[in-house]
Every structure is written in C-alpha cells, then in structure tokens.
Amino acid sequence: MAKHTKTNAMRILDKEKIKYEVHTYEYDENDLSGTSAAEKLGIDPNRLFKTLVLRGEKKGIVVCIIPVNREINLKAFAAQIKDKRTEMIHVKELLGLTGYIRGGCSPIGMKKQYPTYIEKSCLDYETIGVSGGMRGLQIILDPRDLIKAAKAEIIEN
C-alpha cells in the first residue's frame, strides 16, 4: 500500500505548512484497534493516539485524543471539560458528524470544528501518530503541530 490518497487531514496540514510523515499498514476489519496499528507499524503504543468522539451533556460533541493503549475515564474527562457527564457517540453517528469512519477518524479535518482535547503525555515525545483520515493510514508529526492543527486543548487523562 505504498500509494495513498490525500485525505482532508493531509490537505489541512499541507495548507498550514506543517511537516508530517505518512505511514501505511495493512489493517484487519476485525481488529481496528490502535494497539494493532502500533504493532504493525512498530511504534510505541504510547506514541500512537486515537481519536474519540463523545457527547457531553452541556457541551455537545467533543473530541478527545488519547494514547491507543489507554481507556478514557468518562467521569474524569467530563469534570476536566467542565461538563456534568460525557458518553461515547454511537459508531453509526461517526461518519455523519466527522466525515470519517471507525478506524480512520482523524482529529484533523472533521466536517465541523468540535472542542478538542489531547492527553498531555503527547508532549513527552518529539513525534506522535494519529489517524490520517482513513483506515491503514497514520500521520506522524510533532505533537505541538497536532495541537495547532486540531485546535486542541491539553488535558490530563
């Protein structure tokens, strides 16, 4: 899979003149986990981040970016973003809300700019990876550039 399509996420990074690398891998429909992607790419799972789309009671749709080997604490996340509670959206809503599908949801270039939060451990690394906007495609970039491109706020998870 050497050739890949320019995704919306890549077009935005190009427009912002943000440097990034594209890494592709063969994915398995039955295992779209980030830990599987990290293993196939030979990347430390602490450096590969997944994009979660949630619904807050007061804030509505919000995006959370955390390492692929971590789970989100919904109650703690809600408290950090000053909401009463949050819950994961149903997978059927993902494409309509973001323009992306499960296993290929990038925090960059969604249909709408939702409030976005990233786990502070991203700053522990020179580069991190996030979905490039399609299954089997990861973008590796400086976490500060990701924060800028995704208009993300740093949180603790």
Protein backbone atom coordinates (compact mmCIF):
# COMPACT_ATOMS: atom_id res chain seq x y z
CA MET A 1 0.00 0.00 0.00
CA ALA A 2 2.70 2.49 -1.00
CA LYS A 3 0.38 4.88 -2.81
CA HIS A 4 -2.27 6.69 -0.81
CA THR A 5 -4.92 9.30 -1.40
CA LYS A 6 -4.55 12.78 0.06
CA THR A 7 -7.02 12.95 2.88
CA ASN A 8 -8.70 16.04 4.26
CA ALA A 9 -6.33 15.87 7.25
CA MET A 10 -3.27 15.89 4.95
CA ARG A 11 -4.65 18.77 2.87
CA ILE A 12 -5.11 20.85 6.03
CA LEU A 13 -1.57 20.06 7.22
CA ASP A 14 -0.21 20.98 3.77
CA LYS A 15 -2.16 24.25 3.79
CA GLU A 16 -0.82 25.07 7.29
CA LYS A 17 2.71 24.14 6.07
CA ILE A 18 3.00 21.57 8.87
CA LYS A 19 5.56 18.79 8.33
CA TYR A 20 4.33 15.22 8.70
CA GLU A 21 5.11 11.70 7.57
CA VAL A 22 2.57 9.21 6.27
CA HIS A 23 2.79 5.58 7.35
CA THR A 24 0.53 2.93 5.89
CA TYR A 25 -0.19 -0.57 7.11
CA GLU A 26 -2.47 -3.50 6.30
CA TYR A 27 -5.42 -3.38 8.65
CA ASP A 28 -7.80 -6.12 9.68
CA GLU A 29 -11.56 -5.34 9.58
CA ASN A 30 -11.95 -7.48 12.71
CA ASP A 31 -9.29 -5.59 14.67
CA LEU A 32 -9.27 -1.85 14.04
CA SER A 33 -7.62 -1.15 17.39
CA GLY A 34 -4.86 1.38 17.72
CA THR A 35 -2.70 -1.15 19.53
CA SER A 36 -2.88 -3.37 16.45
CA ALA A 37 -1.85 -0.40 14.28
CA ALA A 38 1.04 0.40 16.64
CA GLU A 39 2.23 -3.21 16.47
CA LYS A 40 2.06 -3.32 12.66
CA LEU A 41 3.91 -0.01 12.36
CA GLY A 42 6.48 -0.86 15.04
CA ILE A 43 5.56 2.28 17.01
CA ASP A 44 5.38 2.52 20.80
CA PRO A 45 1.63 2.49 21.62
CA ASN A 46 2.22 5.42 24.00
CA ARG A 47 3.18 7.49 20.91
CA LEU A 48 0.17 6.49 18.81
CA PHE A 49 -3.02 8.37 19.67
CA LYS A 50 -6.64 7.50 18.98
CA THR A 51 -9.44 9.95 18.32
CA LEU A 52 -12.56 9.50 20.40
CA VAL A 53 -15.79 11.37 19.67
CA LEU A 54 -18.07 11.92 22.65
CA ARG A 55 -21.22 13.76 23.56
CA GLY A 56 -21.19 15.99 26.62
CA GLU A 57 -24.38 16.78 28.49
CA LYS A 58 -23.76 20.54 28.18
CA LYS A 59 -21.02 20.86 25.54
CA GLY A 60 -22.49 18.56 22.90
CA ILE A 61 -20.00 16.85 20.59
CA VAL A 62 -16.39 16.89 21.80
CA VAL A 63 -13.22 15.14 20.63
CA CYS A 64 -10.64 13.50 22.88
CA ILE A 65 -7.20 12.33 21.71
CA ILE A 66 -5.50 9.76 23.95
CA PRO A 67 -2.82 7.06 23.58
CA VAL A 68 -4.15 3.92 21.88
CA ASN A 69 -3.26 1.73 24.85
CA ARG A 70 -5.33 3.81 27.29
CA GLU A 71 -9.04 3.92 28.10
CA ILE A 72 -10.90 7.13 28.75
CA ASN A 73 -12.38 7.77 32.18
CA LEU A 74 -15.66 9.39 31.10
CA LYS A 75 -16.40 10.85 34.52
CA ALA A 76 -12.93 12.40 34.93
CA PHE A 77 -12.98 13.68 31.33
CA ALA A 78 -16.38 15.34 31.88
CA ALA A 79 -15.06 17.02 35.04
CA GLN A 80 -11.97 18.31 33.20
CA ILE A 81 -14.01 19.88 30.42
CA LYS A 82 -16.50 21.25 32.98
CA ASP A 83 -19.43 19.13 31.87
CA LYS A 84 -21.73 17.01 34.03
CA ARG A 85 -21.16 13.83 32.05
CA THR A 86 -19.91 12.54 28.71
CA GLU A 87 -20.55 9.39 26.71
CA MET A 88 -19.13 7.89 23.56
CA ILE A 89 -21.25 8.57 20.47
CA HIS A 90 -22.73 5.58 18.68
CA VAL A 91 -20.48 4.36 15.84
CA LYS A 92 -23.39 4.92 13.40
CA GLU A 93 -23.16 8.67 14.10
CA LEU A 94 -19.42 8.94 13.40
CA LEU A 95 -19.44 9.44 9.62
CA GLY A 96 -22.26 11.99 9.70
CA LEU A 97 -20.65 14.04 12.47
CA THR A 98 -17.00 13.87 11.42
CA GLY A 99 -16.78 12.74 7.80
CA TYR A 100 -14.61 9.83 8.96
CA ILE A 101 -15.27 6.14 9.64
CA ARG A 102 -14.35 3.99 12.65
CA GLY A 103 -10.69 3.05 12.46
CA GLY A 104 -9.93 6.07 10.26
CA CYS A 105 -11.10 9.04 12.32
CA SER A 106 -8.52 11.83 12.30
CA PRO A 107 -8.65 14.69 14.81
CA ILE A 108 -7.77 17.00 11.90
CA GLY A 109 -10.24 18.00 9.21
CA MET A 110 -13.57 16.88 10.63
CA LYS A 111 -16.74 18.24 9.00
CA LYS A 112 -17.01 20.71 11.87
CA GLN A 113 -14.54 22.08 14.41
CA TYR A 114 -15.59 20.47 17.67
CA PRO A 115 -14.00 21.28 21.03
CA THR A 116 -10.90 19.06 21.01
CA TYR A 117 -8.79 17.87 23.94
CA ILE A 118 -5.49 15.95 23.90
CA GLU A 119 -3.85 13.98 26.69
CA LYS A 120 -0.78 15.87 27.95
CA SER A 121 1.53 12.84 27.60
CA CYS A 122 1.70 13.70 23.87
CA LEU A 123 4.26 16.37 24.83
CA ASP A 124 6.61 13.66 26.16
CA TYR A 125 7.55 12.77 22.56
CA GLU A 126 9.17 14.55 19.62
CA THR A 127 6.62 12.99 17.29
CA ILE A 128 3.33 11.15 17.73
CA GLY A 129 0.96 9.40 15.37
CA VAL A 130 -2.75 9.90 14.71
CA SER A 131 -5.09 8.57 12.07
CA GLY A 132 -4.56 10.20 8.71
CA GLY A 133 -8.25 10.03 7.88
CA MET A 134 -8.61 6.53 6.51
CA ARG A 135 -8.05 3.01 7.75
CA GLY A 136 -4.48 1.81 7.43
CA LEU A 137 -3.02 5.33 7.36
CA GLN A 138 -1.23 7.13 10.18
CA ILE A 139 0.23 10.63 10.21
CA ILE A 140 3.37 11.13 12.29
CA LEU A 141 4.02 14.72 13.38
CA ASP A 142 5.22 16.98 16.18
CA PRO A 143 2.54 16.98 18.92
CA ARG A 144 2.67 20.80 19.06
CA ASP A 145 1.78 20.90 15.38
CA LEU A 146 -1.10 18.50 16.00
CA ILE A 147 -2.36 20.71 18.84
CA LYS A 148 -2.27 23.69 16.47
CA ALA A 149 -3.91 21.89 13.52
CA ALA A 150 -6.65 20.27 15.64
CA LYS A 151 -7.10 23.41 17.77
CA ALA A 152 -6.74 21.14 20.78
CA GLU A 153 -6.54 21.94 24.45
CA ILE A 154 -4.24 19.86 26.71
CA ILE A 155 -5.85 17.77 29.46
CA GLU A 156 -4.85 15.01 31.86
CA ASN A 157 -6.46 11.62 31.42
